[in-house]
């Protein structure tokens, strides 16, 4: 687990690398934060419906958003979930909301959400 301070530092560094000035960074972070509930709800809905294609799509979107903010733990968890979805022997455990790759991804998203919220709310 990455500390909140490290998550915030990674996000600020990555946004700076992308050319986002200091004053605009919290605005961009708020935009991501506004999308988190949709990402989480879609992951949960797709898992309950056993919709592997929807899970893969949402992982792809979430991975892209996490890349923009340097959220490496979220990205790693997205990759782990996608790998589990591609392995017939691991699909069932991948779909579990309380443990396994999906649960780990949801926990990483929540950690990142809390860190970013702390940053933008100051």
PDB file of N, CA and C in Angstrom:
ATOM      1  N   UNK A   1       0.839  -1.169   0.000  1.00  0.00           N
ATOM      2  CA  UNK A   1       0.000   0.000   0.000  1.00  0.00           C
ATOM      3  C   UNK A   1       0.891   1.242   0.000  1.00  0.00           C
ATOM      4  N   UNK A   2       0.555   2.182  -0.818  1.00  0.00           N
ATOM      5  CA  UNK A   2       1.291   3.424  -0.926  1.00  0.00           C
ATOM      6  C   UNK A   2       0.691   4.445   0.040  1.00  0.00           C
ATOM      7  N   UNK A   3       1.545   5.238   0.664  1.00  0.00           N
ATOM      8  CA  UNK A   3       1.033   6.250   1.590  1.00  0.00           C
ATOM      9  C   UNK A   3       0.325   7.358   0.822  1.00  0.00           C
ATOM     10  N   UNK A   4      -0.548   8.058   1.519  1.00  0.00           N
ATOM     11  CA  UNK A   4      -1.262   9.177   0.878  1.00  0.00           C
ATOM     12  C   UNK A   4      -0.292  10.233   0.382  1.00  0.00           C
ATOM     13  N   UNK A   5       0.715  10.540   1.187  1.00  0.00           N
ATOM     14  CA  UNK A   5       1.697  11.550   0.779  1.00  0.00           C
ATOM     15  C   UNK A   5       2.398  11.134  -0.507  1.00  0.00           C
ATOM     16  N   UNK A   6       2.736   9.852  -0.608  1.00  0.00           N
ATOM     17  CA  UNK A   6       3.392   9.360  -1.826  1.00  0.00           C
ATOM     18  C   UNK A   6       2.453   9.416  -3.020  1.00  0.00           C
ATOM     19  N   UNK A   7       1.178   9.095  -2.807  1.00  0.00           N
ATOM     20  CA  UNK A   7       0.199   9.176  -3.907  1.00  0.00           C
ATOM     21  C   UNK A   7       0.040  10.608  -4.394  1.00  0.00           C
ATOM     22  N   UNK A   8      -0.050  11.531  -3.457  1.00  0.00           N
ATOM     23  CA  UNK A   8      -0.193  12.945  -3.820  1.00  0.00           C
ATOM     24  C   UNK A   8       1.046  13.424  -4.563  1.00  0.00           C
ATOM     25  N   UNK A   9       2.218  13.065  -4.063  1.00  0.00           N
ATOM     26  CA  UNK A   9       3.463  13.470  -4.705  1.00  0.00           C
ATOM     27  C   UNK A   9       3.557  12.893  -6.118  1.00  0.00           C
ATOM     28  N   UNK A  10       3.180  11.634  -6.288  1.00  0.00           N
ATOM     29  CA  UNK A  10       3.215  11.010  -7.612  1.00  0.00           C
ATOM     30  C   UNK A  10       2.254  11.706  -8.565  1.00  0.00           C
ATOM     31  N   UNK A  11       1.077  12.050  -8.072  1.00  0.00           N
ATOM     32  CA  UNK A  11       0.091  12.730  -8.919  1.00  0.00           C
ATOM     33  C   UNK A  11       0.600  14.105  -9.345  1.00  0.00           C
ATOM     34  N   UNK A  12       1.124  14.847  -8.405  1.00  0.00           N
ATOM     35  CA  UNK A  12       1.620  16.192  -8.729  1.00  0.00           C
ATOM     36  C   UNK A  12       2.794  16.122  -9.704  1.00  0.00           C
ATOM     37  N   UNK A  13       3.692  15.168  -9.476  1.00  0.00           N
ATOM     38  CA  UNK A  13       4.841  15.007 -10.358  1.00  0.00           C
ATOM     39  C   UNK A  13       4.391  14.649 -11.768  1.00  0.00           C
ATOM     40  N   UNK A  14       3.485  13.694 -11.875  1.00  0.00           N
ATOM     41  CA  UNK A  14       3.019  13.260 -13.203  1.00  0.00           C
ATOM     42  C   UNK A  14       2.296  14.390 -13.926  1.00  0.00           C
ATOM     43  N   UNK A  15       1.439  15.120 -13.227  1.00  0.00           N
ATOM     44  CA  UNK A  15       0.735  16.236 -13.863  1.00  0.00           C
ATOM     45  C   UNK A  15       1.713  17.310 -14.312  1.00  0.00           C
ATOM     46  N   UNK A  16       2.738  17.562 -13.513  1.00  0.00           N
ATOM     47  CA  UNK A  16       3.774  18.527 -13.894  1.00  0.00           C
ATOM     48  C   UNK A  16       4.485  18.056 -15.166  1.00  0.00           C
ATOM     49  N   UNK A  17       4.788  16.749 -15.231  1.00  0.00           N
ATOM     50  CA  UNK A  17       5.432  16.185 -16.430  1.00  0.00           C
ATOM     51  C   UNK A  17       4.551  16.354 -17.663  1.00  0.00           C
ATOM     52  N   UNK A  18       3.252  16.330 -17.464  1.00  0.00           N
ATOM     53  CA  UNK A  18       2.307  16.492 -18.572  1.00  0.00           C
ATOM     54  C   UNK A  18       2.068  17.962 -18.932  1.00  0.00           C
ATOM     55  N   UNK A  19       2.719  18.854 -18.181  1.00  0.00           N
ATOM     56  CA  UNK A  19       2.612  20.279 -18.477  1.00  0.00           C
ATOM     57  C   UNK A  19       1.452  20.981 -17.793  1.00  0.00           C
ATOM     58  N   UNK A  20       0.861  20.342 -16.803  1.00  0.00           N
ATOM     59  CA  UNK A  20      -0.243  20.959 -16.069  1.00  0.00           C
ATOM     60  C   UNK A  20       0.352  21.838 -14.973  1.00  0.00           C
ATOM     61  N   UNK A  21       0.029  23.130 -15.013  1.00  0.00           N
ATOM     62  CA  UNK A  21       0.613  24.046 -14.025  1.00  0.00           C
ATOM     63  C   UNK A  21       0.021  23.802 -12.640  1.00  0.00           C
ATOM     64  N   UNK A  22       0.728  24.276 -11.635  1.00  0.00           N
ATOM     65  CA  UNK A  22       0.366  24.030 -10.228  1.00  0.00           C
ATOM     66  C   UNK A  22      -1.063  24.473  -9.914  1.00  0.00           C
ATOM     67  N   UNK A  23      -1.476  25.610 -10.449  1.00  0.00           N
ATOM     68  CA  UNK A  23      -2.814  26.130 -10.143  1.00  0.00           C
ATOM     69  C   UNK A  23      -3.922  25.269 -10.751  1.00  0.00           C
ATOM     70  N   UNK A  24      -3.633  24.634 -11.874  1.00  0.00           N
ATOM     71  CA  UNK A  24      -4.640  23.837 -12.578  1.00  0.00           C
ATOM     72  C   UNK A  24      -4.682  22.394 -12.076  1.00  0.00           C
ATOM     73  N   UNK A  25      -3.626  21.933 -11.442  1.00  0.00           N
ATOM     74  CA  UNK A  25      -3.567  20.538 -11.001  1.00  0.00           C
ATOM     75  C   UNK A  25      -4.758  20.119 -10.134  1.00  0.00           C
ATOM     76  N   UNK A  26      -5.163  20.905  -9.125  1.00  0.00           N
ATOM     77  CA  UNK A  26      -6.327  20.487  -8.334  1.00  0.00           C
ATOM     78  C   UNK A  26      -7.619  20.408  -9.154  1.00  0.00           C
ATOM     79  N   UNK A  27      -7.746  21.251 -10.142  1.00  0.00           N
ATOM     80  CA  UNK A  27      -8.930  21.222 -11.015  1.00  0.00           C
ATOM     81  C   UNK A  27      -8.969  19.907 -11.788  1.00  0.00           C
ATOM     82  N   UNK A  28      -7.814  19.510 -12.301  1.00  0.00           N
ATOM     83  CA  UNK A  28      -7.723  18.248 -13.043  1.00  0.00           C
ATOM     84  C   UNK A  28      -7.983  17.073 -12.089  1.00  0.00           C
ATOM     85  N   UNK A  29      -7.455  17.148 -10.885  1.00  0.00           N
ATOM     86  CA  UNK A  29      -7.683  16.082  -9.904  1.00  0.00           C
ATOM     87  C   UNK A  29      -9.165  15.978  -9.549  1.00  0.00           C
ATOM     88  N   UNK A  30      -9.835  17.111  -9.427  1.00  0.00           N
ATOM     89  CA  UNK A  30     -11.275  17.082  -9.132  1.00  0.00           C
ATOM     90  C   UNK A  30     -12.052  16.404 -10.262  1.00  0.00           C
ATOM     91  N   UNK A  31     -11.605  16.618 -11.481  1.00  0.00           N
ATOM     92  CA  UNK A  31     -12.274  15.967 -12.621  1.00  0.00           C
ATOM     93  C   UNK A  31     -12.167  14.451 -12.505  1.00  0.00           C
ATOM     94  N   UNK A  32     -10.980  13.964 -12.139  1.00  0.00           N
ATOM     95  CA  UNK A  32     -10.830  12.518 -11.940  1.00  0.00           C
ATOM     96  C   UNK A  32     -11.697  12.052 -10.781  1.00  0.00           C
ATOM     97  N   UNK A  33     -11.674  12.788  -9.695  1.00  0.00           N
ATOM     98  CA  UNK A  33     -12.468  12.408  -8.527  1.00  0.00           C
ATOM     99  C   UNK A  33     -13.953  12.317  -8.859  1.00  0.00           C
ATOM    100  N   UNK A  34     -14.412  13.174  -9.749  1.00  0.00           N
ATOM    101  CA  UNK A  34     -15.836  13.131 -10.119  1.00  0.00           C
ATOM    102  C   UNK A  34     -16.179  11.860 -10.893  1.00  0.00           C
ATOM    103  N   UNK A  35     -15.172  11.212 -11.483  1.00  0.00           N
ATOM    104  CA  UNK A  35     -15.393   9.997 -12.267  1.00  0.00           C
ATOM    105  C   UNK A  35     -15.265   8.715 -11.446  1.00  0.00           C
ATOM    106  N   UNK A  36     -14.685   8.808 -10.253  1.00  0.00           N
ATOM    107  CA  UNK A  36     -14.439   7.611  -9.448  1.00  0.00           C
ATOM    108  C   UNK A  36     -15.723   6.832  -9.143  1.00  0.00           C
ATOM    109  N   UNK A  37     -16.799   7.491  -8.699  1.00  0.00           N
ATOM    110  CA  UNK A  37     -18.013   6.704  -8.420  1.00  0.00           C
ATOM    111  C   UNK A  37     -18.518   5.916  -9.629  1.00  0.00           C
ATOM    112  N   UNK A  38     -18.414   6.497 -10.804  1.00  0.00           N
ATOM    113  CA  UNK A  38     -18.836   5.795 -12.030  1.00  0.00           C
ATOM    114  C   UNK A  38     -17.943   4.587 -12.289  1.00  0.00           C
ATOM    115  N   UNK A  39     -16.635   4.764 -12.133  1.00  0.00           N
ATOM    116  CA  UNK A  39     -15.709   3.647 -12.339  1.00  0.00           C
ATOM    117  C   UNK A  39     -16.029   2.498 -11.381  1.00  0.00           C
ATOM    118  N   UNK A  40     -16.194   2.820 -10.109  1.00  0.00           N
ATOM    119  CA  UNK A  40     -16.460   1.801  -9.096  1.00  0.00           C
ATOM    120  C   UNK A  40     -17.794   1.113  -9.353  1.00  0.00           C
ATOM    121  N   UNK A  41     -18.827   1.908  -9.622  1.00  0.00           N
ATOM    122  CA  UNK A  41     -20.155   1.328  -9.867  1.00  0.00           C
ATOM    123  C   UNK A  41     -20.141   0.409 -11.083  1.00  0.00           C
ATOM    124  N   UNK A  42     -19.438   0.808 -12.120  1.00  0.00           N
ATOM    125  CA  UNK A  42     -19.394  -0.024 -13.330  1.00  0.00           C
ATOM    126  C   UNK A  42     -18.602  -1.305 -13.091  1.00  0.00           C
ATOM    127  N   UNK A  43     -17.513  -1.228 -12.358  1.00  0.00           N
ATOM    128  CA  UNK A  43     -16.757  -2.435 -12.019  1.00  0.00           C
ATOM    129  C   UNK A  43     -17.632  -3.409 -11.230  1.00  0.00           C
ATOM    130  N   UNK A  44     -18.335  -2.891 -10.233  1.00  0.00           N
ATOM    131  CA  UNK A  44     -19.196  -3.747  -9.413  1.00  0.00           C
ATOM    132  C   UNK A  44     -20.350  -4.321 -10.226  1.00  0.00           C
ATOM    133  N   UNK A  45     -20.976  -3.482 -11.060  1.00  0.00           N
ATOM    134  CA  UNK A  45     -22.088  -3.941 -11.880  1.00  0.00           C
ATOM    135  C   UNK A  45     -21.639  -5.028 -12.837  1.00  0.00           C
ATOM    136  N   UNK A  46     -20.516  -4.798 -13.493  1.00  0.00           N
ATOM    137  CA  UNK A  46     -20.006  -5.766 -14.459  1.00  0.00           C
ATOM    138  C   UNK A  46     -19.636  -7.089 -13.772  1.00  0.00           C
ATOM    139  N   UNK A  47     -19.073  -7.008 -12.578  1.00  0.00           N
ATOM    140  CA  UNK A  47     -18.718  -8.236 -11.852  1.00  0.00           C
ATOM    141  C   UNK A  47     -19.970  -9.019 -11.485  1.00  0.00           C
ATOM    142  N   UNK A  48     -20.979  -8.313 -10.988  1.00  0.00           N
ATOM    143  CA  UNK A  48     -22.228  -8.995 -10.615  1.00  0.00           C
ATOM    144  C   UNK A  48     -22.906  -9.628 -11.826  1.00  0.00           C
ATOM    145  N   UNK A  49     -22.816  -8.939 -12.969  1.00  0.00           N
ATOM    146  CA  UNK A  49     -23.434  -9.442 -14.202  1.00  0.00           C
ATOM    147  C   UNK A  49     -22.541 -10.452 -14.919  1.00  0.00           C
ATOM    148  N   UNK A  50     -21.323 -10.630 -14.401  1.00  0.00           N
ATOM    149  CA  UNK A  50     -20.340 -11.516 -15.018  1.00  0.00           C
ATOM    150  C   UNK A  50     -20.041 -11.086 -16.468  1.00  0.00           C
ATOM    151  N   UNK A  51     -19.986  -9.778 -16.641  1.00  0.00           N
ATOM    152  CA  UNK A  51     -19.743  -9.173 -17.954  1.00  0.00           C
ATOM    153  C   UNK A  51     -18.243  -8.888 -18.080  1.00  0.00           C
ATOM    154  N   UNK A  52     -17.525  -9.874 -18.579  1.00  0.00           N
ATOM    155  CA  UNK A  52     -16.067  -9.762 -18.656  1.00  0.00           C
ATOM    156  C   UNK A  52     -15.621  -8.654 -19.596  1.00  0.00           C
ATOM    157  N   UNK A  53     -16.346  -8.473 -20.695  1.00  0.00           N
ATOM    158  CA  UNK A  53     -15.986  -7.416 -21.645  1.00  0.00           C
ATOM    159  C   UNK A  53     -16.120  -6.041 -20.999  1.00  0.00           C
ATOM    160  N   UNK A  54     -17.184  -5.837 -20.237  1.00  0.00           N
ATOM    161  CA  UNK A  54     -17.372  -4.549 -19.557  1.00  0.00           C
ATOM    162  C   UNK A  54     -16.290  -4.334 -18.503  1.00  0.00           C
ATOM    163  N   UNK A  55     -15.913  -5.378 -17.802  1.00  0.00           N
ATOM    164  CA  UNK A  55     -14.829  -5.261 -16.823  1.00  0.00           C
ATOM    165  C   UNK A  55     -13.519  -4.886 -17.498  1.00  0.00           C
ATOM    166  N   UNK A  56     -13.231  -5.516 -18.618  1.00  0.00           N
ATOM    167  CA  UNK A  56     -11.991  -5.186 -19.341  1.00  0.00           C
ATOM    168  C   UNK A  56     -12.003  -3.731 -19.810  1.00  0.00           C
ATOM    169  N   UNK A  57     -13.150  -3.292 -20.355  1.00  0.00           N
ATOM    170  CA  UNK A  57     -13.259  -1.902 -20.829  1.00  0.00           C
ATOM    171  C   UNK A  57     -13.055  -0.913 -19.686  1.00  0.00           C
ATOM    172  N   UNK A  58     -13.702  -1.188 -18.552  1.00  0.00           N
ATOM    173  CA  UNK A  58     -13.591  -0.271 -17.426  1.00  0.00           C
ATOM    174  C   UNK A  58     -12.167  -0.273 -16.876  1.00  0.00           C
ATOM    175  N   UNK A  59     -11.531  -1.425 -16.833  1.00  0.00           N
ATOM    176  CA  UNK A  59     -10.125  -1.487 -16.404  1.00  0.00           C
ATOM    177  C   UNK A  59      -9.251  -0.646 -17.324  1.00  0.00           C
ATOM    178  N   UNK A  60      -9.514  -0.718 -18.607  1.00  0.00           N
ATOM    179  CA  UNK A  60      -8.740   0.056 -19.579  1.00  0.00           C
ATOM    180  C   UNK A  60      -8.915   1.558 -19.321  1.00  0.00           C
ATOM    181  N   UNK A  61     -10.153   1.990 -19.115  1.00  0.00           N
ATOM    182  CA  UNK A  61     -10.413   3.414 -18.840  1.00  0.00           C
ATOM    183  C   UNK A  61      -9.767   3.853 -17.535  1.00  0.00           C
ATOM    184  N   UNK A  62      -9.915   3.036 -16.529  1.00  0.00           N
ATOM    185  CA  UNK A  62      -9.358   3.368 -15.221  1.00  0.00           C
ATOM    186  C   UNK A  62      -7.830   3.379 -15.262  1.00  0.00           C
ATOM    187  N   UNK A  63      -7.249   2.452 -15.990  1.00  0.00           N
ATOM    188  CA  UNK A  63      -5.800   2.401 -16.149  1.00  0.00           C
ATOM    189  C   UNK A  63      -5.304   3.690 -16.806  1.00  0.00           C
ATOM    190  N   UNK A  64      -6.004   4.154 -17.823  1.00  0.00           N
ATOM    191  CA  UNK A  64      -5.623   5.396 -18.493  1.00  0.00           C
ATOM    192  C   UNK A  64      -5.698   6.605 -17.575  1.00  0.00           C
ATOM    193  N   UNK A  65      -6.774   6.677 -16.801  1.00  0.00           N
ATOM    194  CA  UNK A  65      -6.920   7.783 -15.850  1.00  0.00           C
ATOM    195  C   UNK A  65      -5.828   7.724 -14.791  1.00  0.00           C
ATOM    196  N   UNK A  66      -5.551   6.530 -14.294  1.00  0.00           N
ATOM    197  CA  UNK A  66      -4.514   6.368 -13.272  1.00  0.00           C
ATOM    198  C   UNK A  66      -3.139   6.742 -13.820  1.00  0.00           C
ATOM    199  N   UNK A  67      -2.888   6.440 -15.095  1.00  0.00           N
ATOM    200  CA  UNK A  67      -1.598   6.783 -15.706  1.00  0.00           C
ATOM    201  C   UNK A  67      -1.380   8.287 -15.705  1.00  0.00           C
ATOM    202  N   UNK A  68      -2.440   9.029 -15.966  1.00  0.00           N
ATOM    203  CA  UNK A  68      -2.327  10.485 -16.012  1.00  0.00           C
ATOM    204  C   UNK A  68      -1.922  11.063 -14.660  1.00  0.00           C
ATOM    205  N   UNK A  69      -2.239  10.334 -13.592  1.00  0.00           N
ATOM    206  CA  UNK A  69      -1.949  10.812 -12.240  1.00  0.00           C
ATOM    207  C   UNK A  69      -0.813  10.061 -11.558  1.00  0.00           C
ATOM    208  N   UNK A  70      -0.147   9.177 -12.291  1.00  0.00           N
ATOM    209  CA  UNK A  70       0.962   8.447 -11.699  1.00  0.00           C
ATOM    210  C   UNK A  70       0.532   7.494 -10.590  1.00  0.00           C
ATOM    211  N   UNK A  71      -0.691   6.992 -10.679  1.00  0.00           N
ATOM    212  CA  UNK A  71      -1.230   6.095  -9.655  1.00  0.00           C
ATOM    213  C   UNK A  71      -0.848   4.660 -10.007  1.00  0.00           C
ATOM    214  N   UNK A  72       0.392   4.332  -9.725  1.00  0.00           N
ATOM    215  CA  UNK A  72       0.957   3.046 -10.133  1.00  0.00           C
ATOM    216  C   UNK A  72       0.262   1.846  -9.502  1.00  0.00           C
ATOM    217  N   UNK A  73      -0.178   1.979  -8.263  1.00  0.00           N
ATOM    218  CA  UNK A  73      -0.855   0.857  -7.597  1.00  0.00           C
ATOM    219  C   UNK A  73      -2.187   0.547  -8.293  1.00  0.00           C
ATOM    220  N   UNK A  74      -2.933   1.571  -8.644  1.00  0.00           N
ATOM    221  CA  UNK A  74      -4.193   1.366  -9.370  1.00  0.00           C
ATOM    222  C   UNK A  74      -3.903   0.708 -10.711  1.00  0.00           C
ATOM    223  N   UNK A  75      -2.889   1.184 -11.394  1.00  0.00           N
ATOM    224  CA  UNK A  75      -2.530   0.616 -12.696  1.00  0.00           C
ATOM    225  C   UNK A  75      -2.137  -0.851 -12.556  1.00  0.00           C
ATOM    226  N   UNK A  76      -1.338  -1.176 -11.547  1.00  0.00           N
ATOM    227  CA  UNK A  76      -0.920  -2.570 -11.340  1.00  0.00           C
ATOM    228  C   UNK A  76      -2.129  -3.447 -11.047  1.00  0.00           C
ATOM    229  N   UNK A  77      -3.061  -2.926 -10.260  1.00  0.00           N
ATOM    230  CA  UNK A  77      -4.265  -3.702  -9.934  1.00  0.00           C
ATOM    231  C   UNK A  77      -5.165  -3.871 -11.151  1.00  0.00           C
ATOM    232  N   UNK A  78      -5.213  -2.890 -12.020  1.00  0.00           N
ATOM    233  CA  UNK A  78      -5.964  -3.033 -13.283  1.00  0.00           C
ATOM    234  C   UNK A  78      -5.352  -4.147 -14.125  1.00  0.00           C
ATOM    235  N   UNK A  79      -4.036  -4.147 -14.234  1.00  0.00           N
ATOM    236  CA  UNK A  79      -3.362  -5.183 -15.016  1.00  0.00           C
ATOM    237  C   UNK A  79      -3.586  -6.562 -14.416  1.00  0.00           C
ATOM    238  N   UNK A  80      -3.535  -6.654 -13.094  1.00  0.00           N
ATOM    239  CA  UNK A  80      -3.750  -7.948 -12.429  1.00  0.00           C
ATOM    240  C   UNK A  80      -5.166  -8.454 -12.671  1.00  0.00           C
ATOM    241  N   UNK A  81      -6.140  -7.573 -12.610  1.00  0.00           N
ATOM    242  CA  UNK A  81      -7.518  -7.989 -12.856  1.00  0.00           C
ATOM    243  C   UNK A  81      -7.688  -8.442 -14.296  1.00  0.00           C
ATOM    244  N   UNK A  82      -7.144  -7.679 -15.237  1.00  0.00           N
ATOM    245  CA  UNK A  82      -7.253  -8.078 -16.649  1.00  0.00           C
ATOM    246  C   UNK A  82      -6.595  -9.431 -16.885  1.00  0.00           C
ATOM    247  N   UNK A  83      -5.446  -9.666 -16.260  1.00  0.00           N
ATOM    248  CA  UNK A  83      -4.764 -10.960 -16.411  1.00  0.00           C
ATOM    249  C   UNK A  83      -5.633 -12.085 -15.856  1.00  0.00           C
ATOM    250  N   UNK A  84      -6.280 -11.840 -14.745  1.00  0.00           N
ATOM    251  CA  UNK A  84      -7.166 -12.856 -14.161  1.00  0.00           C
ATOM    252  C   UNK A  84      -8.367 -13.123 -15.053  1.00  0.00           C
ATOM    253  N   UNK A  85      -8.878 -12.086 -15.671  1.00  0.00           N
ATOM    254  CA  UNK A  85     -10.035 -12.250 -16.561  1.00  0.00           C
ATOM    255  C   UNK A  85      -9.667 -13.038 -17.814  1.00  0.00           C
ATOM    256  N   UNK A  86      -8.402 -12.978 -18.195  1.00  0.00           N
ATOM    257  CA  UNK A  86      -7.935 -13.689 -19.386  1.00  0.00           C
ATOM    258  C   UNK A  86      -7.550 -15.138 -19.098  1.00  0.00           C
ATOM    259  N   UNK A  87      -7.548 -15.521 -17.835  1.00  0.00           N
ATOM    260  CA  UNK A  87      -7.173 -16.880 -17.434  1.00  0.00           C
ATOM    261  C   UNK A  87      -8.423 -17.625 -16.977  1.00  0.00           C
ATOM    262  N   UNK A  88      -8.913 -18.573 -17.775  1.00  0.00           N
ATOM    263  CA  UNK A  88     -10.152 -19.268 -17.419  1.00  0.00           C
ATOM    264  C   UNK A  88     -10.143 -19.881 -16.018  1.00  0.00           C
ATOM    265  N   UNK A  89      -8.986 -20.264 -15.535  1.00  0.00           N
ATOM    266  CA  UNK A  89      -8.898 -20.874 -14.210  1.00  0.00           C
ATOM    267  C   UNK A  89      -9.047 -19.844 -13.090  1.00  0.00           C
ATOM    268  N   UNK A  90      -8.887 -18.563 -13.423  1.00  0.00           N
ATOM    269  CA  UNK A  90      -8.926 -17.512 -12.394  1.00  0.00           C
ATOM    270  C   UNK A  90     -10.117 -16.570 -12.511  1.00  0.00           C
ATOM    271  N   UNK A  91     -10.957 -16.757 -13.508  1.00  0.00           N
ATOM    272  CA  UNK A  91     -12.062 -15.821 -13.737  1.00  0.00           C
ATOM    273  C   UNK A  91     -12.990 -15.735 -12.531  1.00  0.00           C
ATOM    274  N   UNK A  92     -13.377 -16.865 -11.990  1.00  0.00           N
ATOM    275  CA  UNK A  92     -14.332 -16.845 -10.866  1.00  0.00           C
ATOM    276  C   UNK A  92     -13.795 -16.030  -9.692  1.00  0.00           C
ATOM    277  N   UNK A  93     -12.556 -16.253  -9.324  1.00  0.00           N
ATOM    278  CA  UNK A  93     -12.003 -15.494  -8.194  1.00  0.00           C
ATOM    279  C   UNK A  93     -11.824 -14.023  -8.557  1.00  0.00           C
ATOM    280  N   UNK A  94     -11.606 -13.732  -9.828  1.00  0.00           N
ATOM    281  CA  UNK A  94     -11.442 -12.343 -10.268  1.00  0.00           C
ATOM    282  C   UNK A  94     -12.721 -11.540 -10.082  1.00  0.00           C
ATOM    283  N   UNK A  95     -13.860 -12.194 -10.155  1.00  0.00           N
ATOM    284  CA  UNK A  95     -15.151 -11.505 -10.091  1.00  0.00           C
ATOM    285  C   UNK A  95     -15.630 -11.241  -8.663  1.00  0.00           C
ATOM    286  N   UNK A  96     -14.938 -11.759  -7.678  1.00  0.00           N
ATOM    287  CA  UNK A  96     -15.375 -11.589  -6.292  1.00  0.00           C
ATOM    288  C   UNK A  96     -15.115 -10.162  -5.810  1.00  0.00           C
ATOM    289  N   UNK A  97     -16.141  -9.579  -5.211  1.00  0.00           N
ATOM    290  CA  UNK A  97     -16.046  -8.194  -4.742  1.00  0.00           C
ATOM    291  C   UNK A  97     -15.345  -8.067  -3.391  1.00  0.00           C
ATOM    292  N   UNK A  98     -15.271  -9.149  -2.624  1.00  0.00           N
ATOM    293  CA  UNK A  98     -14.707  -9.073  -1.272  1.00  0.00           C
ATOM    294  C   UNK A  98     -13.250  -9.526  -1.182  1.00  0.00           C
ATOM    295  N   UNK A  99     -12.762 -10.206  -2.205  1.00  0.00           N
ATOM    296  CA  UNK A  99     -11.366 -10.646  -2.195  1.00  0.00           C
ATOM    297  C   UNK A  99     -10.931 -10.853  -3.642  1.00  0.00           C
ATOM    298  N   UNK A 100      -9.665 -11.075  -3.824  1.00  0.00           N
ATOM    299  CA  UNK A 100      -9.143 -11.299  -5.168  1.00  0.00           C
ATOM    300  C   UNK A 100      -8.794 -10.013  -5.885  1.00  0.00           C
ATOM    301  N   UNK A 101      -8.500 -10.122  -7.167  1.00  0.00           N
ATOM    302  CA  UNK A 101      -8.013  -8.973  -7.942  1.00  0.00           C
ATOM    303  C   UNK A 101      -8.983  -7.789  -8.005  1.00  0.00           C
ATOM    304  N   UNK A 102     -10.281  -8.058  -8.113  1.00  0.00           N
ATOM    305  CA  UNK A 102     -11.235  -6.947  -8.163  1.00  0.00           C
ATOM    306  C   UNK A 102     -11.277  -6.210  -6.832  1.00  0.00           C
ATOM    307  N   UNK A 103     -11.312  -6.950  -5.743  1.00  0.00           N
ATOM    308  CA  UNK A 103     -11.313  -6.321  -4.421  1.00  0.00           C
ATOM    309  C   UNK A 103     -10.042  -5.497  -4.212  1.00  0.00           C
ATOM    310  N   UNK A 104      -8.906  -6.017  -4.668  1.00  0.00           N
ATOM    311  CA  UNK A 104      -7.639  -5.289  -4.534  1.00  0.00           C
ATOM    312  C   UNK A 104      -7.667  -4.008  -5.365  1.00  0.00           C
ATOM    313  N   UNK A 105      -8.247  -4.079  -6.555  1.00  0.00           N
ATOM    314  CA  UNK A 105      -8.365  -2.882  -7.394  1.00  0.00           C
ATOM    315  C   UNK A 105      -9.265  -1.854  -6.717  1.00  0.00           C
ATOM    316  N   UNK A 106     -10.403  -2.285  -6.216  1.00  0.00           N
ATOM    317  CA  UNK A 106     -11.322  -1.357  -5.551  1.00  0.00           C
ATOM    318  C   UNK A 106     -10.663  -0.705  -4.334  1.00  0.00           C
ATOM    319  N   UNK A 107      -9.870  -1.466  -3.594  1.00  0.00           N
ATOM    320  CA  UNK A 107      -9.160  -0.906  -2.443  1.00  0.00           C
ATOM    321  C   UNK A 107      -8.118   0.123  -2.887  1.00  0.00           C
ATOM    322  N   UNK A 108      -7.400  -0.174  -3.959  1.00  0.00           N
ATOM    323  CA  UNK A 108      -6.397   0.771  -4.478  1.00  0.00           C
ATOM    324  C   UNK A 108      -7.057   2.053  -4.976  1.00  0.00           C
ATOM    325  N   UNK A 109      -8.206   1.910  -5.628  1.00  0.00           N
ATOM    326  CA  UNK A 109      -8.954   3.089  -6.102  1.00  0.00           C
ATOM    327  C   UNK A 109      -9.389   3.936  -4.907  1.00  0.00           C
ATOM    328  N   UNK A 110      -9.874   3.284  -3.865  1.00  0.00           N
ATOM    329  CA  UNK A 110     -10.313   4.028  -2.672  1.00  0.00           C
ATOM    330  C   UNK A 110      -9.141   4.738  -2.010  1.00  0.00           C
ATOM    331  N   UNK A 111      -8.001   4.092  -1.911  1.00  0.00           N
ATOM    332  CA  UNK A 111      -6.815   4.745  -1.344  1.00  0.00           C
ATOM    333  C   UNK A 111      -6.432   5.974  -2.164  1.00  0.00           C
ATOM    334  N   UNK A 112      -6.428   5.827  -3.481  1.00  0.00           N
ATOM    335  CA  UNK A 112      -6.083   6.948  -4.358  1.00  0.00           C
ATOM    336  C   UNK A 112      -7.118   8.061  -4.243  1.00  0.00           C
ATOM    337  N   UNK A 113      -8.401   7.686  -4.173  1.00  0.00           N
ATOM    338  CA  UNK A 113      -9.470   8.689  -4.058  1.00  0.00           C
ATOM    339  C   UNK A 113      -9.287   9.501  -2.781  1.00  0.00           C
ATOM    340  N   UNK A 114      -9.018   8.833  -1.689  1.00  0.00           N
ATOM    341  CA  UNK A 114      -8.843   9.536  -0.413  1.00  0.00           C
ATOM    342  C   UNK A 114      -7.642  10.474  -0.456  1.00  0.00           C
ATOM    343  N   UNK A 115      -6.547  10.003  -1.042  1.00  0.00           N
ATOM    344  CA  UNK A 115      -5.346  10.848  -1.135  1.00  0.00           C
ATOM    345  C   UNK A 115      -5.600  12.075  -1.993  1.00  0.00           C
ATOM    346  N   UNK A 116      -6.213  11.873  -3.145  1.00  0.00           N
ATOM    347  CA  UNK A 116      -6.479  13.007  -4.028  1.00  0.00           C
ATOM    348  C   UNK A 116      -7.473  13.970  -3.396  1.00  0.00           C
ATOM    349  N   UNK A 117      -8.469  13.436  -2.707  1.00  0.00           N
ATOM    350  CA  UNK A 117      -9.454  14.298  -2.027  1.00  0.00           C
ATOM    351  C   UNK A 117      -8.761  15.130  -0.951  1.00  0.00           C
ATOM    352  N   UNK A 118      -7.867  14.503  -0.207  1.00  0.00           N
ATOM    353  CA  UNK A 118      -7.104  15.228   0.825  1.00  0.00           C
ATOM    354  C   UNK A 118      -6.309  16.362   0.194  1.00  0.00           C
ATOM    355  N   UNK A 119      -5.708  16.080  -0.945  1.00  0.00           N
ATOM    356  CA  UNK A 119      -4.903  17.095  -1.641  1.00  0.00           C
ATOM    357  C   UNK A 119      -5.767  18.264  -2.115  1.00  0.00           C
ATOM    358  N   UNK A 120      -6.833  17.983  -2.834  1.00  0.00           N
ATOM    359  CA  UNK A 120      -7.613  19.061  -3.434  1.00  0.00           C
ATOM    360  C   UNK A 120      -8.452  19.822  -2.407  1.00  0.00           C
ATOM    361  N   UNK A 121      -8.795  19.173  -1.300  1.00  0.00           N
ATOM    362  CA  UNK A 121      -9.581  19.849  -0.265  1.00  0.00           C
ATOM    363  C   UNK A 121      -8.694  20.552   0.746  1.00  0.00           C
ATOM    364  N   UNK A 122      -7.384  20.260   0.619  1.00  0.00           N
ATOM    365  CA  UNK A 122      -6.374  20.935   1.406  1.00  0.00           C
ATOM    366  C   UNK A 122      -6.440  20.786   2.849  1.00  0.00           C
TER     367      UNK A 122
END
